[in-house]
Amino acid sequence: MRVIDLSDITWRRSSYSNQDGGECLEVATDIPSLVPVRDSKDPSRGTLLFEASAWAAFVERVGR
């Protein structure tokens, strides 16, 4: 299993997240081939990793 160090990445909160602590999503774009995604309300719960192409397809589809 490959280990990916996420300790120095920069997280960015989704522009669709509200400021009241509601449903918040953070993504990082520091890794060219992967997009880490986590819940900003509870980042200790873990991170999901998506291939960059899969994440791009998801964002495109959701944006319609």
Protein backbone atom coordinates (compact mmCIF):
# COMPACT_ATOMS: atom_id res chain seq x y z
CA MET A 1 0.00 0.00 0.00
CA ARG A 2 1.31 3.43 -0.96
CA VAL A 3 1.44 6.06 1.80
CA ILE A 4 0.76 9.67 0.81
CA ASP A 5 1.95 12.45 3.11
CA LEU A 6 -0.82 15.02 3.47
CA SER A 7 0.75 16.97 6.33
CA ASP A 8 1.93 19.92 4.23
CA ILE A 9 -0.94 20.37 1.81
CA THR A 10 -3.11 23.46 1.67
CA TRP A 11 -6.82 22.88 2.17
CA ARG A 12 -9.41 25.04 0.43
CA ARG A 13 -13.03 25.15 1.51
CA SER A 14 -15.67 24.76 -1.15
CA SER A 15 -17.25 28.02 -2.26
CA TYR A 16 -20.62 26.28 -1.80
CA SER A 17 -20.02 25.66 1.91
CA ASN A 18 -21.87 27.96 4.26
CA GLN A 19 -20.23 29.90 7.09
CA ASP A 20 -22.69 28.64 9.72
CA GLY A 21 -20.90 25.33 10.17
CA GLY A 22 -23.23 23.49 7.84
CA GLU A 23 -22.17 21.03 5.18
CA CYS A 24 -18.55 21.95 4.47
CA LEU A 25 -16.14 20.30 2.12
CA GLU A 26 -12.41 20.99 1.76
CA VAL A 27 -10.18 19.99 -1.13
CA ALA A 28 -6.46 20.29 -1.77
CA THR A 29 -4.76 20.71 -5.13
CA ASP A 30 -1.13 20.32 -4.05
CA ILE A 31 -0.80 16.80 -5.51
CA PRO A 32 -1.00 16.83 -9.34
CA SER A 33 -2.48 13.35 -9.80
CA LEU A 34 -4.76 13.21 -6.74
CA VAL A 35 -7.41 15.38 -5.09
CA PRO A 36 -7.73 14.91 -1.33
CA VAL A 37 -11.21 15.70 0.05
CA ARG A 38 -12.31 15.96 3.69
CA ASP A 39 -15.11 17.21 5.93
CA SER A 40 -13.99 20.59 7.30
CA LYS A 41 -16.17 20.18 10.40
CA ASP A 42 -14.28 17.06 11.45
CA PRO A 43 -10.99 16.64 9.54
CA SER A 44 -9.84 13.93 11.96
CA ARG A 45 -12.40 11.54 10.41
CA GLY A 46 -10.08 11.06 7.46
CA THR A 47 -9.51 12.04 3.88
CA LEU A 48 -10.83 10.60 0.64
CA LEU A 49 -8.42 10.54 -2.30
CA PHE A 50 -9.70 10.81 -5.85
CA GLU A 51 -7.75 10.60 -9.07
CA ALA A 52 -7.62 14.11 -10.53
CA SER A 53 -9.47 13.03 -13.68
CA ALA A 54 -12.27 11.41 -11.65
CA TRP A 55 -12.63 14.51 -9.47
CA ALA A 56 -12.75 16.77 -12.55
CA ALA A 57 -15.49 14.60 -14.08
CA PHE A 58 -17.46 14.69 -10.81
CA VAL A 59 -17.21 18.48 -10.50
CA GLU A 60 -18.21 18.94 -14.13
CA ARG A 61 -21.24 16.69 -13.73
CA VAL A 62 -22.39 18.28 -10.46
CA GLY A 63 -22.00 21.77 -11.92
CA ARG A 64 -24.65 21.17 -14.56
